[in-house]
PDB file of N, CA and C in Angstrom:
ATOM      1  N   MET A   1      10.159 -19.474  27.010  1.00  0.00           N
ATOM      2  CA  MET A   1      10.223 -18.288  25.873  1.00  0.00           C
ATOM      3  C   MET A   1       8.787 -17.951  25.512  1.00  0.00           C
ATOM      4  N   ALA A   2       8.199 -16.428  25.274  1.00  0.00           N
ATOM      5  CA  ALA A   2       6.807 -15.925  24.036  1.00  0.00           C
ATOM      6  C   ALA A   2       6.929 -15.848  22.617  1.00  0.00           C
ATOM      7  N   GLN A   3       6.923 -16.648  21.938  1.00  0.00           N
ATOM      8  CA  GLN A   3       7.171 -16.456  20.566  1.00  0.00           C
ATOM      9  C   GLN A   3       7.384 -15.244  20.026  1.00  0.00           C
ATOM     10  N   LYS A   4       7.443 -14.680  19.470  1.00  0.00           N
ATOM     11  CA  LYS A   4       8.129 -13.412  18.888  1.00  0.00           C
ATOM     12  C   LYS A   4       7.129 -13.246  17.932  1.00  0.00           C
ATOM     13  N   LYS A   5       6.337 -12.242  16.856  1.00  0.00           N
ATOM     14  CA  LYS A   5       5.069 -12.133  16.586  1.00  0.00           C
ATOM     15  C   LYS A   5       5.026 -12.811  15.198  1.00  0.00           C
ATOM     16  N   TYR A   6       6.684 -12.623  14.656  1.00  0.00           N
ATOM     17  CA  TYR A   6       6.410 -12.526  13.378  1.00  0.00           C
ATOM     18  C   TYR A   6       7.577 -13.236  13.186  1.00  0.00           C
ATOM     19  N   GLU A   7       7.067 -14.268  13.751  1.00  0.00           N
ATOM     20  CA  GLU A   7       8.716 -15.598  14.262  1.00  0.00           C
ATOM     21  C   GLU A   7       7.797 -16.771  13.865  1.00  0.00           C
ATOM     22  N   VAL A   8       8.123 -17.531  13.328  1.00  0.00           N
ATOM     23  CA  VAL A   8       7.499 -19.443  13.922  1.00  0.00           C
ATOM     24  C   VAL A   8       9.692 -20.131  13.669  1.00  0.00           C
ATOM     25  N   ALA A   9       8.579 -20.746  14.565  1.00  0.00           N
ATOM     26  CA  ALA A   9      10.383 -21.514  14.891  1.00  0.00           C
ATOM     27  C   ALA A   9      10.858 -20.711  14.836  1.00  0.00           C
ATOM     28  N   GLY A  10      12.009 -20.349  16.074  1.00  0.00           N
ATOM     29  CA  GLY A  10      12.328 -19.690  15.785  1.00  0.00           C
ATOM     30  C   GLY A  10      12.678 -18.829  14.391  1.00  0.00           C
ATOM     31  N   VAL A  11      12.562 -18.723  13.131  1.00  0.00           N
ATOM     32  CA  VAL A  11      12.010 -18.448  12.050  1.00  0.00           C
ATOM     33  C   VAL A  11      11.964 -16.989  11.375  1.00  0.00           C
ATOM     34  N   PRO A  12      12.726 -15.369  11.464  1.00  0.00           N
ATOM     35  CA  PRO A  12      11.965 -14.679  11.615  1.00  0.00           C
ATOM     36  C   PRO A  12      11.643 -13.938  10.285  1.00  0.00           C
ATOM     37  N   LEU A  13      10.379 -14.151   9.668  1.00  0.00           N
ATOM     38  CA  LEU A  13       9.567 -13.591   8.328  1.00  0.00           C
ATOM     39  C   LEU A  13       9.212 -12.012   8.726  1.00  0.00           C
ATOM     40  N   GLU A  14      10.296 -10.640   9.452  1.00  0.00           N
ATOM     41  CA  GLU A  14       9.173  -8.885   9.235  1.00  0.00           C
ATOM     42  C   GLU A  14       9.856  -8.760   7.905  1.00  0.00           C
ATOM     43  N   ASN A  15      10.913  -9.972   7.185  1.00  0.00           N
ATOM     44  CA  ASN A  15      10.962  -9.249   6.863  1.00  0.00           C
ATOM     45  C   ASN A  15      10.814 -10.020   5.243  1.00  0.00           C
ATOM     46  N   ILE A  16       9.665 -10.293   5.072  1.00  0.00           N
ATOM     47  CA  ILE A  16       8.659 -10.746   3.706  1.00  0.00           C
ATOM     48  C   ILE A  16       7.749 -10.226   3.694  1.00  0.00           C
ATOM     49  N   ARG A  17       8.038  -9.131   2.800  1.00  0.00           N
ATOM     50  CA  ARG A  17       6.600  -8.049   2.521  1.00  0.00           C
ATOM     51  C   ARG A  17       6.873  -7.755   0.726  1.00  0.00           C
ATOM     52  N   ASN A  18       5.312  -7.657   0.603  1.00  0.00           N
ATOM     53  CA  ASN A  18       5.478  -7.066  -0.381  1.00  0.00           C
ATOM     54  C   ASN A  18       5.238  -5.959  -1.093  1.00  0.00           C
ATOM     55  N   ARG A  19       6.287  -6.814  -2.404  1.00  0.00           N
ATOM     56  CA  ARG A  19       6.675  -5.540  -3.053  1.00  0.00           C
ATOM     57  C   ARG A  19       5.946  -4.386  -3.930  1.00  0.00           C
ATOM     58  N   ASN A  20       4.119  -4.829  -4.108  1.00  0.00           N
ATOM     59  CA  ASN A  20       4.302  -3.946  -3.714  1.00  0.00           C
ATOM     60  C   ASN A  20       3.389  -2.400  -2.781  1.00  0.00           C
ATOM     61  N   GLU A  21       4.223  -2.757  -1.615  1.00  0.00           N
ATOM     62  CA  GLU A  21       4.520  -1.120  -1.026  1.00  0.00           C
ATOM     63  C   GLU A  21       5.059  -0.607  -1.048  1.00  0.00           C
ATOM     64  N   LEU A  22       6.582   0.046  -1.808  1.00  0.00           N
ATOM     65  CA  LEU A  22       7.462   0.552  -1.808  1.00  0.00           C
ATOM     66  C   LEU A  22       7.142   1.091  -3.746  1.00  0.00           C
ATOM     67  N   ARG A  23       6.236   0.079  -4.331  1.00  0.00           N
ATOM     68  CA  ARG A  23       5.907   0.603  -4.976  1.00  0.00           C
ATOM     69  C   ARG A  23       4.803   1.729  -5.244  1.00  0.00           C
ATOM     70  N   VAL A  24       3.793   1.361  -4.720  1.00  0.00           N
ATOM     71  CA  VAL A  24       2.451   2.194  -4.647  1.00  0.00           C
ATOM     72  C   VAL A  24       3.378   3.663  -3.850  1.00  0.00           C
ATOM     73  N   ILE A  25       3.560   3.858  -2.456  1.00  0.00           N
ATOM     74  CA  ILE A  25       4.454   4.788  -1.990  1.00  0.00           C
ATOM     75  C   ILE A  25       5.344   5.710  -3.289  1.00  0.00           C
ATOM     76  N   LYS A  26       5.481   4.746  -4.552  1.00  0.00           N
ATOM     77  CA  LYS A  26       6.166   5.917  -4.497  1.00  0.00           C
ATOM     78  C   LYS A  26       5.993   6.449  -6.085  1.00  0.00           C
ATOM     79  N   LEU A  27       3.998   6.015  -5.656  1.00  0.00           N
ATOM     80  CA  LEU A  27       4.172   6.320  -8.113  1.00  0.00           C
ATOM     81  C   LEU A  27       2.591   6.485  -6.717  1.00  0.00           C
ATOM     82  N   MET A  28       2.251   7.100  -5.305  1.00  0.00           N
ATOM     83  CA  MET A  28       1.078   8.099  -4.865  1.00  0.00           C
ATOM     84  C   MET A  28       1.634   9.619  -5.387  1.00  0.00           C
ATOM     85  N   PRO A  29       3.094   9.538  -4.635  1.00  0.00           N
ATOM     86  CA  PRO A  29       2.292  11.693  -4.823  1.00  0.00           C
ATOM     87  C   PRO A  29       1.940  12.223  -6.598  1.00  0.00           C
ATOM     88  N   GLN A  30       2.125  11.639  -7.237  1.00  0.00           N
ATOM     89  CA  GLN A  30       2.167  11.166  -8.720  1.00  0.00           C
ATOM     90  C   GLN A  30       0.773  12.093  -9.006  1.00  0.00           C
ATOM     91  N   VAL A  31      -0.155  10.557  -8.136  1.00  0.00           N
ATOM     92  CA  VAL A  31      -1.303  10.149  -8.940  1.00  0.00           C
ATOM     93  C   VAL A  31      -1.209  11.310  -7.750  1.00  0.00           C
ATOM     94  N   LEU A  32      -1.432  11.955  -6.996  1.00  0.00           N
ATOM     95  CA  LEU A  32      -2.367  12.223  -6.004  1.00  0.00           C
ATOM     96  C   LEU A  32      -2.075  14.151  -6.198  1.00  0.00           C
ATOM     97  N   ALA A  33      -0.818  14.482  -6.279  1.00  0.00           N
ATOM     98  CA  ALA A  33      -1.006  15.505  -8.489  1.00  0.00           C
ATOM     99  C   ALA A  33      -1.955  15.792  -9.226  1.00  0.00           C
ATOM    100  N   GLU A  34      -2.560  14.461  -9.843  1.00  0.00           N
ATOM    101  CA  GLU A  34      -3.061  14.916 -10.506  1.00  0.00           C
ATOM    102  C   GLU A  34      -4.874  15.600  -9.667  1.00  0.00           C
ATOM    103  N   HIS A  35      -5.440  15.714  -8.407  1.00  0.00           N
ATOM    104  CA  HIS A  35      -6.188  15.649  -7.506  1.00  0.00           C
ATOM    105  C   HIS A  35      -5.836  17.071  -6.789  1.00  0.00           C
ATOM    106  N   LEU A  36      -5.909  18.316  -7.805  1.00  0.00           N
ATOM    107  CA  LEU A  36      -4.430  19.764  -6.925  1.00  0.00           C
ATOM    108  C   LEU A  36      -5.663  20.404  -5.865  1.00  0.00           C
ATOM    109  N   ASP A  37      -6.950  19.751  -6.038  1.00  0.00           N
ATOM    110  CA  ASP A  37      -8.447  20.125  -4.666  1.00  0.00           C
ATOM    111  C   ASP A  37      -8.447  19.684  -3.657  1.00  0.00           C
ATOM    112  N   TYR A  38      -7.658  18.697  -4.082  1.00  0.00           N
ATOM    113  CA  TYR A  38      -7.845  17.408  -2.587  1.00  0.00           C
ATOM    114  C   TYR A  38      -6.996  17.143  -1.706  1.00  0.00           C
ATOM    115  N   HIS A  39      -6.733  18.138  -0.049  1.00  0.00           N
ATOM    116  CA  HIS A  39      -5.939  17.761   0.491  1.00  0.00           C
ATOM    117  C   HIS A  39      -5.503  16.925   1.332  1.00  0.00           C
ATOM    118  N   PRO A  40      -5.704  15.583   1.310  1.00  0.00           N
ATOM    119  CA  PRO A  40      -5.464  14.652   2.107  1.00  0.00           C
ATOM    120  C   PRO A  40      -5.539  14.965   3.666  1.00  0.00           C
ATOM    121  N   SER A  41      -5.871  14.328   4.457  1.00  0.00           N
ATOM    122  CA  SER A  41      -5.352  14.118   5.135  1.00  0.00           C
ATOM    123  C   SER A  41      -4.278  13.185   5.956  1.00  0.00           C
ATOM    124  N   TYR A  42      -3.956  12.826   7.125  1.00  0.00           N
ATOM    125  CA  TYR A  42      -2.821  11.661   7.598  1.00  0.00           C
ATOM    126  C   TYR A  42      -3.160  10.678   7.152  1.00  0.00           C
ATOM    127  N   LEU A  43      -4.708  10.676   8.532  1.00  0.00           N
ATOM    128  CA  LEU A  43      -5.681   9.088   7.695  1.00  0.00           C
ATOM    129  C   LEU A  43      -6.015   8.522   5.942  1.00  0.00           C
ATOM    130  N   ASP A  44      -6.360  10.132   5.550  1.00  0.00           N
ATOM    131  CA  ASP A  44      -6.890   9.771   4.718  1.00  0.00           C
ATOM    132  C   ASP A  44      -5.122   9.149   3.245  1.00  0.00           C
ATOM    133  N   ILE A  45      -4.284   8.980   3.495  1.00  0.00           N
ATOM    134  CA  ILE A  45      -3.716   8.646   2.879  1.00  0.00           C
ATOM    135  C   ILE A  45      -3.416   7.424   3.284  1.00  0.00           C
ATOM    136  N   GLN A  46      -3.448   7.132   4.662  1.00  0.00           N
ATOM    137  CA  GLN A  46      -3.431   5.622   4.782  1.00  0.00           C
ATOM    138  C   GLN A  46      -4.869   4.842   4.554  1.00  0.00           C
ATOM    139  N   ASP A  47      -5.746   5.579   4.384  1.00  0.00           N
ATOM    140  CA  ASP A  47      -6.216   4.697   3.639  1.00  0.00           C
ATOM    141  C   ASP A  47      -6.299   4.174   2.174  1.00  0.00           C
ATOM    142  N   ILE A  48      -6.435   5.877   0.875  1.00  0.00           N
ATOM    143  CA  ILE A  48      -5.268   4.952   0.037  1.00  0.00           C
ATOM    144  C   ILE A  48      -4.639   4.516  -0.621  1.00  0.00           C
ATOM    145  N   TYR A  49      -3.630   4.237   0.481  1.00  0.00           N
ATOM    146  CA  TYR A  49      -2.989   2.369   0.576  1.00  0.00           C
ATOM    147  C   TYR A  49      -2.298   1.057   0.467  1.00  0.00           C
ATOM    148  N   ALA A  50      -3.483   1.320   1.922  1.00  0.00           N
ATOM    149  CA  ALA A  50      -3.631  -0.191   2.522  1.00  0.00           C
ATOM    150  C   ALA A  50      -4.855  -0.352   1.052  1.00  0.00           C
ATOM    151  N   LEU A  51      -5.666   0.724   0.536  1.00  0.00           N
ATOM    152  CA  LEU A  51      -7.258   0.434  -0.325  1.00  0.00           C
ATOM    153  C   LEU A  51      -6.637  -0.128  -1.940  1.00  0.00           C
ATOM    154  N   THR A  52      -5.432   0.516  -1.780  1.00  0.00           N
ATOM    155  CA  THR A  52      -4.721   0.352  -3.468  1.00  0.00           C
ATOM    156  C   THR A  52      -3.817  -0.900  -2.929  1.00  0.00           C
ATOM    157  N   LEU A  53      -3.113  -1.328  -2.094  1.00  0.00           N
ATOM    158  CA  LEU A  53      -2.853  -2.046  -1.842  1.00  0.00           C
ATOM    159  C   LEU A  53      -3.364  -2.957  -2.285  1.00  0.00           C
ATOM    160  N   ASN A  54      -4.795  -3.385  -1.350  1.00  0.00           N
ATOM    161  CA  ASN A  54      -5.643  -4.213  -1.317  1.00  0.00           C
ATOM    162  C   ASN A  54      -6.651  -4.406  -2.196  1.00  0.00           C
ATOM    163  N   ASN A  55      -6.308  -3.201  -3.315  1.00  0.00           N
ATOM    164  CA  ASN A  55      -6.596  -3.977  -4.433  1.00  0.00           C
ATOM    165  C   ASN A  55      -5.972  -4.563  -5.857  1.00  0.00           C
ATOM    166  N   LEU A  56      -4.737  -4.735  -5.343  1.00  0.00           N
ATOM    167  CA  LEU A  56      -4.266  -5.724  -6.310  1.00  0.00           C
ATOM    168  C   LEU A  56      -3.460  -7.128  -5.894  1.00  0.00           C
ATOM    169  N   SER A  57      -2.635  -7.363  -6.317  1.00  0.00           N
ATOM    170  CA  SER A  57      -2.907  -9.709  -6.949  1.00  0.00           C
ATOM    171  C   SER A  57      -0.717  -8.338  -5.233  1.00  0.00           C
ATOM    172  N   PRO A  58      -1.129  -9.414  -4.229  1.00  0.00           N
ATOM    173  CA  PRO A  58      -0.724  -9.555  -3.616  1.00  0.00           C
ATOM    174  C   PRO A  58       1.604  -9.940  -4.877  1.00  0.00           C
ATOM    175  N   ARG A  59       2.343  -9.276  -4.110  1.00  0.00           N
ATOM    176  CA  ARG A  59       3.968  -9.558  -4.123  1.00  0.00           C
ATOM    177  C   ARG A  59       4.970  -9.597  -3.005  1.00  0.00           C
ATOM    178  N   TYR A  60       4.785 -10.835  -2.825  1.00  0.00           N
ATOM    179  CA  TYR A  60       5.406 -10.660  -1.303  1.00  0.00           C
ATOM    180  C   TYR A  60       6.820 -11.339  -2.128  1.00  0.00           C
ATOM    181  N   ARG A  61       7.964 -10.847  -1.022  1.00  0.00           N
ATOM    182  CA  ARG A  61       8.675 -11.396  -1.700  1.00  0.00           C
ATOM    183  C   ARG A  61       9.972 -11.755   0.119  1.00  0.00           C
ATOM    184  N   GLN A  62      11.032 -12.457  -0.308  1.00  0.00           N
ATOM    185  CA  GLN A  62      11.898 -12.232   1.045  1.00  0.00           C
ATOM    186  C   GLN A  62      12.933 -12.017   0.560  1.00  0.00           C
ATOM    187  N   GLN A  63      14.330 -11.590   1.907  1.00  0.00           N
ATOM    188  CA  GLN A  63      15.749 -10.678   1.298  1.00  0.00           C
ATOM    189  C   GLN A  63      16.197 -12.366   0.613  1.00  0.00           C
ATOM    190  N   GLY A  64      16.900 -11.803  -1.065  1.00  0.00           N
ATOM    191  CA  GLY A  64      17.500 -12.533  -1.253  1.00  0.00           C
ATOM    192  C   GLY A  64      16.359 -13.214  -3.438  1.00  0.00           C
ATOM    193  N   THR A  65      15.100 -12.441  -2.783  1.00  0.00           N
ATOM    194  CA  THR A  65      14.041 -13.023  -4.409  1.00  0.00           C
ATOM    195  C   THR A  65      15.293 -12.830  -5.195  1.00  0.00           C
ATOM    196  N   ILE A  66      15.020 -13.694  -6.334  1.00  0.00           N
ATOM    197  CA  ILE A  66      14.904 -13.155  -7.526  1.00  0.00           C
ATOM    198  C   ILE A  66      13.699 -12.946  -8.337  1.00  0.00           C
ATOM    199  N   ILE A  67      13.234 -12.064  -9.193  1.00  0.00           N
ATOM    200  CA  ILE A  67      11.764 -11.451  -9.579  1.00  0.00           C
ATOM    201  C   ILE A  67      12.693 -11.573 -10.944  1.00  0.00           C
ATOM    202  N   LEU A  68      11.935 -12.549 -11.374  1.00  0.00           N
ATOM    203  CA  LEU A  68      12.593 -12.999 -12.753  1.00  0.00           C
ATOM    204  C   LEU A  68      10.774 -11.476 -13.784  1.00  0.00           C
ATOM    205  N   SER A  69       9.941 -12.102 -13.068  1.00  0.00           N
ATOM    206  CA  SER A  69       9.126 -10.597 -14.429  1.00  0.00           C
ATOM    207  C   SER A  69       8.215  -9.669 -13.070  1.00  0.00           C
ATOM    208  N   GLU A  70       7.341  -9.059 -13.544  1.00  0.00           N
ATOM    209  CA  GLU A  70       6.032  -8.325 -12.160  1.00  0.00           C
ATOM    210  C   GLU A  70       4.938  -8.458 -13.524  1.00  0.00           C
ATOM    211  N   PRO A  71       4.333  -9.531 -12.724  1.00  0.00           N
ATOM    212  CA  PRO A  71       2.779  -9.193 -13.217  1.00  0.00           C
ATOM    213  C   PRO A  71       2.134  -7.526 -13.463  1.00  0.00           C
ATOM    214  N   VAL A  72       2.254  -6.908 -11.914  1.00  0.00           N
ATOM    215  CA  VAL A  72       1.498  -5.783 -12.181  1.00  0.00           C
ATOM    216  C   VAL A  72       2.626  -4.449 -12.442  1.00  0.00           C
ATOM    217  N   ARG A  73       1.639  -4.272 -13.131  1.00  0.00           N
ATOM    218  CA  ARG A  73       2.359  -3.469 -13.564  1.00  0.00           C
ATOM    219  C   ARG A  73       1.929  -1.615 -13.933  1.00  0.00           C
ATOM    220  N   ASP A  74       3.546  -0.902 -14.054  1.00  0.00           N
ATOM    221  CA  ASP A  74       2.995   0.876 -12.588  1.00  0.00           C
ATOM    222  C   ASP A  74       0.984   1.099 -13.527  1.00  0.00           C
ATOM    223  N   ALA A  75       0.999   1.182 -15.016  1.00  0.00           N
ATOM    224  CA  ALA A  75      -0.259   1.061 -15.130  1.00  0.00           C
ATOM    225  C   ALA A  75      -1.523   0.947 -13.667  1.00  0.00           C
ATOM    226  N   GLU A  76      -1.176  -0.101 -13.836  1.00  0.00           N
ATOM    227  CA  GLU A  76      -2.206  -1.351 -12.496  1.00  0.00           C
ATOM    228  C   GLU A  76      -2.703   0.011 -12.046  1.00  0.00           C
ATOM    229  N   ILE A  77      -0.997  -0.533 -11.454  1.00  0.00           N
ATOM    230  CA  ILE A  77      -1.173   0.665  -9.135  1.00  0.00           C
ATOM    231  C   ILE A  77      -1.854   2.332  -9.920  1.00  0.00           C
ATOM    232  N   ILE A  78      -0.928   2.913 -10.543  1.00  0.00           N
ATOM    233  CA  ILE A  78      -1.680   4.014 -11.064  1.00  0.00           C
ATOM    234  C   ILE A  78      -3.742   3.806 -10.973  1.00  0.00           C
ATOM    235  N   ARG A  79      -4.084   2.538 -11.798  1.00  0.00           N
ATOM    236  CA  ARG A  79      -5.521   2.980 -11.901  1.00  0.00           C
ATOM    237  C   ARG A  79      -5.578   2.436 -10.799  1.00  0.00           C
ATOM    238  N   GLU A  80      -5.071   1.942  -9.577  1.00  0.00           N
ATOM    239  CA  GLU A  80      -6.070   1.246  -8.136  1.00  0.00           C
ATOM    240  C   GLU A  80      -6.314   2.682  -7.779  1.00  0.00           C
ATOM    241  N   LEU A  81      -4.614   3.046  -7.857  1.00  0.00           N
ATOM    242  CA  LEU A  81      -4.449   4.689  -7.098  1.00  0.00           C
ATOM    243  C   LEU A  81      -5.545   5.548  -6.757  1.00  0.00           C
ATOM    244  N   ARG A  82      -5.703   5.882  -8.456  1.00  0.00           N
ATOM    245  CA  ARG A  82      -6.783   6.942  -8.989  1.00  0.00           C
ATOM    246  C   ARG A  82      -7.922   6.355  -8.177  1.00  0.00           C
ATOM    247  N   ASN A  83      -8.736   4.754  -8.702  1.00  0.00           N
ATOM    248  CA  ASN A  83      -9.564   4.740  -8.188  1.00  0.00           C
ATOM    249  C   ASN A  83      -9.532   4.877  -6.443  1.00  0.00           C
ATOM    250  N   SER A  84      -8.298   4.839  -4.998  1.00  0.00           N
ATOM    251  CA  SER A  84      -8.979   4.553  -4.747  1.00  0.00           C
ATOM    252  C   SER A  84      -8.344   6.395  -3.795  1.00  0.00           C
ATOM    253  N   VAL A  85      -8.112   7.431  -4.542  1.00  0.00           N
ATOM    254  CA  VAL A  85      -7.804   8.679  -4.297  1.00  0.00           C
ATOM    255  C   VAL A  85      -9.625   9.245  -4.490  1.00  0.00           C
ATOM    256  N   ASN A  86     -10.355   8.927  -5.334  1.00  0.00           N
ATOM    257  CA  ASN A  86     -11.845   9.380  -5.518  1.00  0.00           C
ATOM    258  C   ASN A  86     -12.787   8.564  -4.817  1.00  0.00           C
ATOM    259  N   ARG A  87     -12.809   7.793  -4.130  1.00  0.00           N
ATOM    260  CA  ARG A  87     -12.695   6.642  -2.744  1.00  0.00           C
ATOM    261  C   ARG A  87     -12.817   7.504  -1.616  1.00  0.00           C
ATOM    262  N   VAL A  88     -11.932   7.385  -1.293  1.00  0.00           N
ATOM    263  CA  VAL A  88     -11.601   8.189  -0.537  1.00  0.00           C
ATOM    264  C   VAL A  88     -11.554   9.525  -0.364  1.00  0.00           C
ATOM    265  N   GLU A  89     -12.141  10.340  -1.393  1.00  0.00           N
ATOM    266  CA  GLU A  89     -11.813  11.796  -0.939  1.00  0.00           C
ATOM    267  C   GLU A  89     -13.201  12.427  -1.637  1.00  0.00           C
ATOM    268  N   LEU A  90     -14.373  10.625  -2.215  1.00  0.00           N
ATOM    269  CA  LEU A  90     -15.779  11.573  -2.075  1.00  0.00           C
ATOM    270  C   LEU A  90     -16.047  10.466   0.294  1.00  0.00           C
ATOM    271  N   ALA A  91     -15.029   9.895   0.231  1.00  0.00           N
ATOM    272  CA  ALA A  91     -15.986   9.240   1.422  1.00  0.00           C
ATOM    273  C   ALA A  91     -14.006   9.610   2.707  1.00  0.00           C
ATOM    274  N   PRO A  92     -13.967  10.462   2.693  1.00  0.00           N
ATOM    275  CA  PRO A  92     -12.627  10.391   4.419  1.00  0.00           C
ATOM    276  C   PRO A  92     -13.041  10.454   5.548  1.00  0.00           C
ATOM    277  N   THR A  93     -11.545  10.105   6.036  1.00  0.00           N
ATOM    278  CA  THR A  93     -12.499   8.979   7.091  1.00  0.00           C
ATOM    279  C   THR A  93     -13.053  10.304   7.698  1.00  0.00           C
ATOM    280  N   GLU A  94     -13.937   9.896   8.865  1.00  0.00           N
ATOM    281  CA  GLU A  94     -13.607  10.614   9.637  1.00  0.00           C
ATOM    282  C   GLU A  94     -12.856  10.430  11.638  1.00  0.00           C
ATOM    283  N   ARG A  95     -12.234  12.029  11.065  1.00  0.00           N
ATOM    284  CA  ARG A  95     -11.976  11.972  12.778  1.00  0.00           C
ATOM    285  C   ARG A  95     -12.497  11.194  14.544  1.00  0.00           C
ATOM    286  N   GLU A  96     -11.800  10.679  15.306  1.00  0.00           N
ATOM    287  CA  GLU A  96     -13.315  11.057  16.980  1.00  0.00           C
ATOM    288  C   GLU A  96     -12.304  12.515  17.006  1.00  0.00           C
ATOM    289  N   GLU A  97     -12.714  12.361  17.274  1.00  0.00           N
ATOM    290  CA  GLU A  97     -13.022  13.736  18.871  1.00  0.00           C
ATOM    291  C   GLU A  97     -13.067  13.335  20.417  1.00  0.00           C
ATOM    292  N   GLY A  98     -12.016  13.866  20.648  1.00  0.00           N
ATOM    293  CA  GLY A  98     -11.816  12.915  22.048  1.00  0.00           C
ATOM    294  C   GLY A  98     -11.872  13.394  23.467  1.00  0.00           C
TER     295      GLY A  98
END
């Protein structure tokens, strides 16, 4: 039987997620609203999301994890989102013409 993509020794790992993912998603509309003349494309939004996550310290959690403290503050996420929006706005992803 073939091993599943997110499984090791029969233990499923697909539910282990970076806590910052949902936090970035939650704060992104607020930061995008600051850029009234910018209308990001589908790929731009994905780029902003990925770039922001890449610039934050990952905070992985699994089901049942107890969060004692949150070292990544919302202000840091907002700062990284702003940096990402500015970077992607200046160099948007080119769509392949097919």
